[in-house]
Amino acid sequence: MKNYKLSDTYKILYDYIIGDLLSQIFEKDHRYCIRNKEIPFLIGEKFEAYKNNALKYMPGTRLDKHKLASCICGAIIEVKPLAGFNGIEISKNTN
């Protein structure tokens, strides 16, 4: 995990969209917290894996914004970044 370098695309997505949305969730509902502090890296690894897999089947070297959005959504769903604060049980479909 510590050797993984986040891509510039992912950094922008996380800093301006994902991180902001997670912050809004935590502010509005105090039952939720981040599962662990490596979540940005875990999501980033999955995002890159989905992106690289999609690129195998696409012409060119870049994905359009809709495909990137699909990759990031899949990564978030797979990593499941949200947990219940202080062990509170949360719905299985929360993430």
PDB file of N, CA and C in Angstrom:
ATOM      1  N   MET A   1       0.817  -1.197   0.000  1.00  0.00           N
ATOM      2  CA  MET A   1       0.000   0.000   0.000  1.00  0.00           C
ATOM      3  C   MET A   1       0.856   1.255   0.000  1.00  0.00           C
ATOM      4  N   LYS A   2       1.911   1.288   0.767  1.00  0.00           N
ATOM      5  CA  LYS A   2       2.728   2.486   0.879  1.00  0.00           C
ATOM      6  C   LYS A   2       3.516   2.769  -0.399  1.00  0.00           C
ATOM      7  N   ASN A   3       3.743   1.749  -1.235  1.00  0.00           N
ATOM      8  CA  ASN A   3       4.480   1.930  -2.480  1.00  0.00           C
ATOM      9  C   ASN A   3       3.571   2.350  -3.637  1.00  0.00           C
ATOM     10  N   TYR A   4       2.262   2.350  -3.430  1.00  0.00           N
ATOM     11  CA  TYR A   4       1.315   2.673  -4.485  1.00  0.00           C
ATOM     12  C   TYR A   4       1.284   4.177  -4.714  1.00  0.00           C
ATOM     13  N   LYS A   5       1.451   4.591  -5.988  1.00  0.00           N
ATOM     14  CA  LYS A   5       1.414   6.010  -6.334  1.00  0.00           C
ATOM     15  C   LYS A   5       0.085   6.309  -7.006  1.00  0.00           C
ATOM     16  N   LEU A   6      -0.652   7.259  -6.447  1.00  0.00           N
ATOM     17  CA  LEU A   6      -1.944   7.635  -6.998  1.00  0.00           C
ATOM     18  C   LEU A   6      -1.761   8.423  -8.292  1.00  0.00           C
ATOM     19  N   SER A   7      -2.618   8.167  -9.271  1.00  0.00           N
ATOM     20  CA  SER A   7      -2.545   8.906 -10.541  1.00  0.00           C
ATOM     21  C   SER A   7      -3.076  10.320 -10.341  1.00  0.00           C
ATOM     22  N   ASP A   8      -2.674  11.219 -11.204  1.00  0.00           N
ATOM     23  CA  ASP A   8      -3.144  12.601 -11.129  1.00  0.00           C
ATOM     24  C   ASP A   8      -4.658  12.672 -11.325  1.00  0.00           C
ATOM     25  N   THR A   9      -5.179  11.863 -12.235  1.00  0.00           N
ATOM     26  CA  THR A   9      -6.627  11.830 -12.474  1.00  0.00           C
ATOM     27  C   THR A   9      -7.365  11.440 -11.205  1.00  0.00           C
ATOM     28  N   TYR A  10      -6.896  10.388 -10.563  1.00  0.00           N
ATOM     29  CA  TYR A  10      -7.557   9.926  -9.338  1.00  0.00           C
ATOM     30  C   TYR A  10      -7.436  10.968  -8.233  1.00  0.00           C
ATOM     31  N   LYS A  11      -6.280  11.597  -8.095  1.00  0.00           N
ATOM     32  CA  LYS A  11      -6.115  12.622  -7.055  1.00  0.00           C
ATOM     33  C   LYS A  11      -7.143  13.726  -7.215  1.00  0.00           C
ATOM     34  N   ILE A  12      -7.365  14.161  -8.447  1.00  0.00           N
ATOM     35  CA  ILE A  12      -8.357  15.211  -8.702  1.00  0.00           C
ATOM     36  C   ILE A  12      -9.756  14.709  -8.349  1.00  0.00           C
ATOM     37  N   LEU A  13     -10.089  13.498  -8.785  1.00  0.00           N
ATOM     38  CA  LEU A  13     -11.398  12.931  -8.480  1.00  0.00           C
ATOM     39  C   LEU A  13     -11.614  12.817  -6.970  1.00  0.00           C
ATOM     40  N   TYR A  14     -10.599  12.344  -6.259  1.00  0.00           N
ATOM     41  CA  TYR A  14     -10.758  12.164  -4.818  1.00  0.00           C
ATOM     42  C   TYR A  14     -10.832  13.513  -4.098  1.00  0.00           C
ATOM     43  N   ASP A  15      -9.918  14.416  -4.409  1.00  0.00           N
ATOM     44  CA  ASP A  15      -9.871  15.698  -3.714  1.00  0.00           C
ATOM     45  C   ASP A  15     -11.116  16.540  -3.926  1.00  0.00           C
ATOM     46  N   TYR A  16     -11.631  16.561  -5.153  1.00  0.00           N
ATOM     47  CA  TYR A  16     -12.719  17.480  -5.463  1.00  0.00           C
ATOM     48  C   TYR A  16     -14.112  16.856  -5.487  1.00  0.00           C
ATOM     49  N   ILE A  17     -14.184  15.537  -5.520  1.00  0.00           N
ATOM     50  CA  ILE A  17     -15.510  14.913  -5.581  1.00  0.00           C
ATOM     51  C   ILE A  17     -15.717  13.915  -4.440  1.00  0.00           C
ATOM     52  N   ILE A  18     -14.937  12.849  -4.426  1.00  0.00           N
ATOM     53  CA  ILE A  18     -15.162  11.770  -3.459  1.00  0.00           C
ATOM     54  C   ILE A  18     -14.945  12.241  -2.028  1.00  0.00           C
ATOM     55  N   GLY A  19     -13.807  12.856  -1.764  1.00  0.00           N
ATOM     56  CA  GLY A  19     -13.514  13.345  -0.415  1.00  0.00           C
ATOM     57  C   GLY A  19     -14.553  14.336   0.070  1.00  0.00           C
ATOM     58  N   ASP A  20     -14.979  15.223  -0.839  1.00  0.00           N
ATOM     59  CA  ASP A  20     -15.995  16.204  -0.486  1.00  0.00           C
ATOM     60  C   ASP A  20     -17.325  15.527  -0.154  1.00  0.00           C
ATOM     61  N   LEU A  21     -17.718  14.557  -0.954  1.00  0.00           N
ATOM     62  CA  LEU A  21     -18.969  13.839  -0.688  1.00  0.00           C
ATOM     63  C   LEU A  21     -18.909  13.063   0.630  1.00  0.00           C
ATOM     64  N   LEU A  22     -17.776  12.420   0.892  1.00  0.00           N
ATOM     65  CA  LEU A  22     -17.632  11.711   2.165  1.00  0.00           C
ATOM     66  C   LEU A  22     -17.733  12.684   3.339  1.00  0.00           C
ATOM     67  N   SER A  23     -17.113  13.840   3.218  1.00  0.00           N
ATOM     68  CA  SER A  23     -17.193  14.859   4.278  1.00  0.00           C
ATOM     69  C   SER A  23     -18.641  15.292   4.511  1.00  0.00           C
ATOM     70  N   GLN A  24     -19.388  15.472   3.435  1.00  0.00           N
ATOM     71  CA  GLN A  24     -20.791  15.855   3.568  1.00  0.00           C
ATOM     72  C   GLN A  24     -21.600  14.770   4.270  1.00  0.00           C
ATOM     73  N   ILE A  25     -21.320  13.525   3.947  1.00  0.00           N
ATOM     74  CA  ILE A  25     -22.007  12.411   4.613  1.00  0.00           C
ATOM     75  C   ILE A  25     -21.717  12.434   6.103  1.00  0.00           C
ATOM     76  N   PHE A  26     -20.453  12.600   6.477  1.00  0.00           N
ATOM     77  CA  PHE A  26     -20.068  12.584   7.886  1.00  0.00           C
ATOM     78  C   PHE A  26     -20.660  13.759   8.657  1.00  0.00           C
ATOM     79  N   GLU A  27     -20.754  14.915   8.006  1.00  0.00           N
ATOM     80  CA  GLU A  27     -21.325  16.093   8.658  1.00  0.00           C
ATOM     81  C   GLU A  27     -22.828  15.937   8.887  1.00  0.00           C
ATOM     82  N   LYS A  28     -23.534  15.324   7.943  1.00  0.00           N
ATOM     83  CA  LYS A  28     -24.983  15.216   8.041  1.00  0.00           C
ATOM     84  C   LYS A  28     -25.452  14.045   8.881  1.00  0.00           C
ATOM     85  N   ASP A  29     -24.670  13.000   8.931  1.00  0.00           N
ATOM     86  CA  ASP A  29     -25.086  11.811   9.682  1.00  0.00           C
ATOM     87  C   ASP A  29     -23.891  11.291  10.475  1.00  0.00           C
ATOM     88  N   HIS A  30     -23.928  11.498  11.753  1.00  0.00           N
ATOM     89  CA  HIS A  30     -22.801  11.152  12.626  1.00  0.00           C
ATOM     90  C   HIS A  30     -22.708   9.653  12.929  1.00  0.00           C
ATOM     91  N   ARG A  31     -23.588   8.869  12.321  1.00  0.00           N
ATOM     92  CA  ARG A  31     -23.485   7.414  12.486  1.00  0.00           C
ATOM     93  C   ARG A  31     -22.392   6.819  11.617  1.00  0.00           C
ATOM     94  N   TYR A  32     -21.923   7.576  10.623  1.00  0.00           N
ATOM     95  CA  TYR A  32     -20.959   7.054   9.663  1.00  0.00           C
ATOM     96  C   TYR A  32     -19.562   7.607   9.902  1.00  0.00           C
ATOM     97  N   CYS A  33     -18.583   6.785   9.560  1.00  0.00           N
ATOM     98  CA  CYS A  33     -17.184   7.218   9.569  1.00  0.00           C
ATOM     99  C   CYS A  33     -16.454   6.446   8.473  1.00  0.00           C
ATOM    100  N   ILE A  34     -15.224   6.846   8.214  1.00  0.00           N
ATOM    101  CA  ILE A  34     -14.411   6.165   7.208  1.00  0.00           C
ATOM    102  C   ILE A  34     -13.899   4.855   7.814  1.00  0.00           C
ATOM    103  N   ARG A  35     -13.892   3.799   7.032  1.00  0.00           N
ATOM    104  CA  ARG A  35     -13.513   2.474   7.546  1.00  0.00           C
ATOM    105  C   ARG A  35     -12.077   2.436   8.051  1.00  0.00           C
ATOM    106  N   ASN A  36     -11.149   3.017   7.304  1.00  0.00           N
ATOM    107  CA  ASN A  36      -9.766   3.157   7.781  1.00  0.00           C
ATOM    108  C   ASN A  36      -9.064   4.244   6.977  1.00  0.00           C
ATOM    109  N   LYS A  37      -7.913   4.670   7.443  1.00  0.00           N
ATOM    110  CA  LYS A  37      -7.258   5.817   6.819  1.00  0.00           C
ATOM    111  C   LYS A  37      -6.595   5.496   5.484  1.00  0.00           C
ATOM    112  N   GLU A  38      -6.568   4.253   5.079  1.00  0.00           N
ATOM    113  CA  GLU A  38      -6.009   3.881   3.785  1.00  0.00           C
ATOM    114  C   GLU A  38      -7.057   3.838   2.674  1.00  0.00           C
ATOM    115  N   ILE A  39      -8.276   4.213   2.996  1.00  0.00           N
ATOM    116  CA  ILE A  39      -9.371   4.184   2.014  1.00  0.00           C
ATOM    117  C   ILE A  39      -9.022   4.925   0.725  1.00  0.00           C
ATOM    118  N   PRO A  40      -8.437   6.143   0.767  1.00  0.00           N
ATOM    119  CA  PRO A  40      -8.107   6.805  -0.503  1.00  0.00           C
ATOM    120  C   PRO A  40      -7.193   5.960  -1.389  1.00  0.00           C
ATOM    121  N   PHE A  41      -6.270   5.238  -0.783  1.00  0.00           N
ATOM    122  CA  PHE A  41      -5.349   4.395  -1.548  1.00  0.00           C
ATOM    123  C   PHE A  41      -6.039   3.132  -2.056  1.00  0.00           C
ATOM    124  N   LEU A  42      -6.905   2.556  -1.228  1.00  0.00           N
ATOM    125  CA  LEU A  42      -7.634   1.358  -1.650  1.00  0.00           C
ATOM    126  C   LEU A  42      -8.557   1.664  -2.824  1.00  0.00           C
ATOM    127  N   ILE A  43      -9.281   2.779  -2.732  1.00  0.00           N
ATOM    128  CA  ILE A  43     -10.149   3.182  -3.839  1.00  0.00           C
ATOM    129  C   ILE A  43      -9.299   3.473  -5.076  1.00  0.00           C
ATOM    130  N   GLY A  44      -8.165   4.130  -4.882  1.00  0.00           N
ATOM    131  CA  GLY A  44      -7.280   4.460  -5.992  1.00  0.00           C
ATOM    132  C   GLY A  44      -6.758   3.235  -6.715  1.00  0.00           C
ATOM    133  N   GLU A  45      -6.383   2.230  -5.969  1.00  0.00           N
ATOM    134  CA  GLU A  45      -5.896   0.984  -6.588  1.00  0.00           C
ATOM    135  C   GLU A  45      -6.991   0.322  -7.420  1.00  0.00           C
ATOM    136  N   LYS A  46      -8.196   0.246  -6.848  1.00  0.00           N
ATOM    137  CA  LYS A  46      -9.315  -0.367  -7.575  1.00  0.00           C
ATOM    138  C   LYS A  46      -9.680   0.458  -8.796  1.00  0.00           C
ATOM    139  N   PHE A  47      -9.675   1.788  -8.651  1.00  0.00           N
ATOM    140  CA  PHE A  47      -9.978   2.678  -9.771  1.00  0.00           C
ATOM    141  C   PHE A  47      -9.010   2.424 -10.922  1.00  0.00           C
ATOM    142  N   GLU A  48      -7.720   2.371 -10.606  1.00  0.00           N
ATOM    143  CA  GLU A  48      -6.710   2.132 -11.644  1.00  0.00           C
ATOM    144  C   GLU A  48      -6.882   0.755 -12.283  1.00  0.00           C
ATOM    145  N   ALA A  49      -7.251  -0.244 -11.487  1.00  0.00           N
ATOM    146  CA  ALA A  49      -7.470  -1.584 -12.031  1.00  0.00           C
ATOM    147  C   ALA A  49      -8.649  -1.582 -13.002  1.00  0.00           C
ATOM    148  N   TYR A  50      -9.755  -0.945 -12.611  1.00  0.00           N
ATOM    149  CA  TYR A  50     -10.916  -0.854 -13.496  1.00  0.00           C
ATOM    150  C   TYR A  50     -10.573  -0.065 -14.758  1.00  0.00           C
ATOM    151  N   LYS A  51      -9.865   1.046 -14.582  1.00  0.00           N
ATOM    152  CA  LYS A  51      -9.501   1.895 -15.718  1.00  0.00           C
ATOM    153  C   LYS A  51      -8.612   1.129 -16.700  1.00  0.00           C
ATOM    154  N   ASN A  52      -7.602   0.450 -16.181  1.00  0.00           N
ATOM    155  CA  ASN A  52      -6.696  -0.313 -17.049  1.00  0.00           C
ATOM    156  C   ASN A  52      -7.420  -1.449 -17.763  1.00  0.00           C
ATOM    157  N   ASN A  53      -8.354  -2.082 -17.082  1.00  0.00           N
ATOM    158  CA  ASN A  53      -9.136  -3.145 -17.703  1.00  0.00           C
ATOM    159  C   ASN A  53     -10.013  -2.572 -18.819  1.00  0.00           C
ATOM    160  N   ALA A  54     -10.643  -1.442 -18.583  1.00  0.00           N
ATOM    161  CA  ALA A  54     -11.487  -0.812 -19.608  1.00  0.00           C
ATOM    162  C   ALA A  54     -10.654  -0.401 -20.823  1.00  0.00           C
ATOM    163  N   LEU A  55      -9.447   0.081 -20.585  1.00  0.00           N
ATOM    164  CA  LEU A  55      -8.589   0.523 -21.687  1.00  0.00           C
ATOM    165  C   LEU A  55      -8.221  -0.610 -22.638  1.00  0.00           C
ATOM    166  N   LYS A  56      -8.230  -1.841 -22.144  1.00  0.00           N
ATOM    167  CA  LYS A  56      -7.927  -2.994 -22.996  1.00  0.00           C
ATOM    168  C   LYS A  56      -8.947  -3.141 -24.117  1.00  0.00           C
ATOM    169  N   TYR A  57     -10.176  -2.691 -23.856  1.00  0.00           N
ATOM    170  CA  TYR A  57     -11.267  -2.888 -24.799  1.00  0.00           C
ATOM    171  C   TYR A  57     -11.669  -1.613 -25.524  1.00  0.00           C
ATOM    172  N   MET A  58     -10.947  -0.527 -25.303  1.00  0.00           N
ATOM    173  CA  MET A  58     -11.295   0.762 -25.903  1.00  0.00           C
ATOM    174  C   MET A  58     -10.196   1.203 -26.866  1.00  0.00           C
ATOM    175  N   PRO A  59     -10.582   1.853 -27.952  1.00  0.00           N
ATOM    176  CA  PRO A  59      -9.540   2.419 -28.829  1.00  0.00           C
ATOM    177  C   PRO A  59      -8.916   3.635 -28.143  1.00  0.00           C
ATOM    178  N   GLY A  60      -7.675   3.888 -28.393  1.00  0.00           N
ATOM    179  CA  GLY A  60      -7.013   5.046 -27.809  1.00  0.00           C
ATOM    180  C   GLY A  60      -6.412   4.744 -26.452  1.00  0.00           C
ATOM    181  N   THR A  61      -5.906   5.794 -25.812  1.00  0.00           N
ATOM    182  CA  THR A  61      -5.201   5.623 -24.539  1.00  0.00           C
ATOM    183  C   THR A  61      -5.907   6.314 -23.378  1.00  0.00           C
ATOM    184  N   ARG A  62      -7.053   6.957 -23.665  1.00  0.00           N
ATOM    185  CA  ARG A  62      -7.770   7.670 -22.608  1.00  0.00           C
ATOM    186  C   ARG A  62      -9.231   7.272 -22.604  1.00  0.00           C
ATOM    187  N   LEU A  63      -9.821   7.292 -21.405  1.00  0.00           N
ATOM    188  CA  LEU A  63     -11.251   7.007 -21.277  1.00  0.00           C
ATOM    189  C   LEU A  63     -12.022   8.318 -21.187  1.00  0.00           C
ATOM    190  N   ASP A  64     -13.260   8.304 -21.687  1.00  0.00           N
ATOM    191  CA  ASP A  64     -14.082   9.507 -21.547  1.00  0.00           C
ATOM    192  C   ASP A  64     -14.569   9.627 -20.100  1.00  0.00           C
ATOM    193  N   LYS A  65     -15.147  10.771 -19.778  1.00  0.00           N
ATOM    194  CA  LYS A  65     -15.523  11.043 -18.387  1.00  0.00           C
ATOM    195  C   LYS A  65     -16.590  10.082 -17.870  1.00  0.00           C
ATOM    196  N   HIS A  66     -17.439   9.555 -18.733  1.00  0.00           N
ATOM    197  CA  HIS A  66     -18.463   8.623 -18.283  1.00  0.00           C
ATOM    198  C   HIS A  66     -17.866   7.277 -17.882  1.00  0.00           C
ATOM    199  N   LYS A  67     -16.894   6.854 -18.631  1.00  0.00           N
ATOM    200  CA  LYS A  67     -16.223   5.597 -18.283  1.00  0.00           C
ATOM    201  C   LYS A  67     -15.384   5.757 -17.021  1.00  0.00           C
ATOM    202  N   LEU A  68     -14.728   6.903 -16.875  1.00  0.00           N
ATOM    203  CA  LEU A  68     -13.985   7.171 -15.637  1.00  0.00           C
ATOM    204  C   LEU A  68     -14.930   7.175 -14.444  1.00  0.00           C
ATOM    205  N   ALA A  69     -16.109   7.764 -14.613  1.00  0.00           N
ATOM    206  CA  ALA A  69     -17.097   7.787 -13.529  1.00  0.00           C
ATOM    207  C   ALA A  69     -17.525   6.370 -13.163  1.00  0.00           C
ATOM    208  N   SER A  70     -17.701   5.518 -14.157  1.00  0.00           N
ATOM    209  CA  SER A  70     -18.059   4.124 -13.886  1.00  0.00           C
ATOM    210  C   SER A  70     -16.952   3.414 -13.122  1.00  0.00           C
ATOM    211  N   CYS A  71     -15.715   3.683 -13.497  1.00  0.00           N
ATOM    212  CA  CYS A  71     -14.575   3.063 -12.814  1.00  0.00           C
ATOM    213  C   CYS A  71     -14.518   3.494 -11.356  1.00  0.00           C
ATOM    214  N   ILE A  72     -14.752   4.770 -11.086  1.00  0.00           N
ATOM    215  CA  ILE A  72     -14.673   5.262  -9.711  1.00  0.00           C
ATOM    216  C   ILE A  72     -15.850   4.721  -8.894  1.00  0.00           C
ATOM    217  N   CYS A  73     -17.025   4.640  -9.503  1.00  0.00           N
ATOM    218  CA  CYS A  73     -18.184   4.081  -8.789  1.00  0.00           C
ATOM    219  C   CYS A  73     -17.940   2.612  -8.435  1.00  0.00           C
ATOM    220  N   GLY A  74     -17.437   1.858  -9.384  1.00  0.00           N
ATOM    221  CA  GLY A  74     -17.134   0.453  -9.116  1.00  0.00           C
ATOM    222  C   GLY A  74     -16.113   0.294  -8.007  1.00  0.00           C
ATOM    223  N   ALA A  75     -15.097   1.159  -8.000  1.00  0.00           N
ATOM    224  CA  ALA A  75     -14.063   1.090  -6.968  1.00  0.00           C
ATOM    225  C   ALA A  75     -14.643   1.386  -5.594  1.00  0.00           C
ATOM    226  N   ILE A  76     -15.503   2.400  -5.509  1.00  0.00           N
ATOM    227  CA  ILE A  76     -16.115   2.757  -4.223  1.00  0.00           C
ATOM    228  C   ILE A  76     -17.002   1.625  -3.723  1.00  0.00           C
ATOM    229  N   ILE A  77     -17.797   1.051  -4.614  1.00  0.00           N
ATOM    230  CA  ILE A  77     -18.678  -0.050  -4.223  1.00  0.00           C
ATOM    231  C   ILE A  77     -17.864  -1.240  -3.730  1.00  0.00           C
ATOM    232  N   GLU A  78     -16.766  -1.537  -4.411  1.00  0.00           N
ATOM    233  CA  GLU A  78     -15.955  -2.690  -4.021  1.00  0.00           C
ATOM    234  C   GLU A  78     -15.218  -2.470  -2.693  1.00  0.00           C
ATOM    235  N   VAL A  79     -14.705  -1.267  -2.480  1.00  0.00           N
ATOM    236  CA  VAL A  79     -13.915  -0.982  -1.272  1.00  0.00           C
ATOM    237  C   VAL A  79     -14.796  -0.781  -0.041  1.00  0.00           C
ATOM    238  N   LYS A  80     -16.014  -0.284  -0.223  1.00  0.00           N
ATOM    239  CA  LYS A  80     -16.931  -0.027   0.886  1.00  0.00           C
ATOM    240  C   LYS A  80     -16.274   0.861   1.958  1.00  0.00           C
ATOM    241  N   PRO A  81     -16.096   2.148   1.652  1.00  0.00           N
ATOM    242  CA  PRO A  81     -15.350   3.023   2.561  1.00  0.00           C
ATOM    243  C   PRO A  81     -16.068   3.402   3.847  1.00  0.00           C
ATOM    244  N   LEU A  82     -17.391   3.307   3.890  1.00  0.00           N
ATOM    245  CA  LEU A  82     -18.126   3.751   5.078  1.00  0.00           C
ATOM    246  C   LEU A  82     -18.288   2.632   6.099  1.00  0.00           C
ATOM    247  N   ALA A  83     -18.201   3.020   7.358  1.00  0.00           N
ATOM    248  CA  ALA A  83     -18.419   2.097   8.468  1.00  0.00           C
ATOM    249  C   ALA A  83     -19.281   2.807   9.495  1.00  0.00           C
ATOM    250  N   GLY A  84     -19.831   2.065  10.418  1.00  0.00           N
ATOM    251  CA  GLY A  84     -20.610   2.653  11.497  1.00  0.00           C
ATOM    252  C   GLY A  84     -19.687   3.233  12.556  1.00  0.00           C
ATOM    253  N   PHE A  85     -19.975   4.453  12.976  1.00  0.00           N
ATOM    254  CA  PHE A  85     -19.165   5.119  14.000  1.00  0.00           C
ATOM    255  C   PHE A  85     -19.301   4.379  15.321  1.00  0.00           C
ATOM    256  N   ASN A  86     -18.184   4.098  15.971  1.00  0.00           N
ATOM    257  CA  ASN A  86     -18.138   3.359  17.242  1.00  0.00           C
ATOM    258  C   ASN A  86     -18.852   2.012  17.162  1.00  0.00           C
ATOM    259  N   GLY A  87     -18.730   1.359  16.001  1.00  0.00           N
ATOM    260  CA  GLY A  87     -19.280   0.013  15.849  1.00  0.00           C
ATOM    261  C   GLY A  87     -20.771  -0.047  15.587  1.00  0.00           C
ATOM    262  N   ILE A  88     -21.410   1.091  15.363  1.00  0.00           N
ATOM    263  CA  ILE A  88     -22.842   1.088  15.051  1.00  0.00           C
ATOM    264  C   ILE A  88     -23.057   0.308  13.761  1.00  0.00           C
ATOM    265  N   GLU A  89     -24.065  -0.539  13.750  1.00  0.00           N
ATOM    266  CA  GLU A  89     -24.355  -1.313  12.547  1.00  0.00           C
ATOM    267  C   GLU A  89     -25.034  -0.410  11.513  1.00  0.00           C
ATOM    268  N   ILE A  90     -24.567  -0.487  10.273  1.00  0.00           N
ATOM    269  CA  ILE A  90     -25.161   0.299   9.190  1.00  0.00           C
ATOM    270  C   ILE A  90     -25.718  -0.627   8.132  1.00  0.00           C
ATOM    271  N   SER A  91     -26.607  -0.112   7.315  1.00  0.00           N
ATOM    272  CA  SER A  91     -27.226  -0.887   6.253  1.00  0.00           C
ATOM    273  C   SER A  91     -26.176  -1.442   5.296  1.00  0.00           C
ATOM    274  N   LYS A  92     -26.409  -2.633   4.786  1.00  0.00           N
ATOM    275  CA  LYS A  92     -25.458  -3.269   3.868  1.00  0.00           C
ATOM    276  C   LYS A  92     -25.305  -2.497   2.563  1.00  0.00           C
ATOM    277  N   ASN A  93     -26.334  -1.758   2.165  1.00  0.00           N
ATOM    278  CA  ASN A  93     -26.259  -1.030   0.898  1.00  0.00           C
ATOM    279  C   ASN A  93     -25.820   0.434   1.098  1.00  0.00           C
ATOM    280  N   THR A  94     -25.315   0.782   2.244  1.00  0.00           N
ATOM    281  CA  THR A  94     -24.869   2.149   2.522  1.00  0.00           C
ATOM    282  C   THR A  94     -23.779   2.572   1.572  1.00  0.00           C
ATOM    283  N   ASN A  95     -22.830   1.734   1.327  1.00  0.00           N
ATOM    284  CA  ASN A  95     -21.717   2.087   0.457  1.00  0.00           C
ATOM    285  C   ASN A  95     -22.119   2.071  -0.989  1.00  0.00           C
TER     286      ASN A  95
END
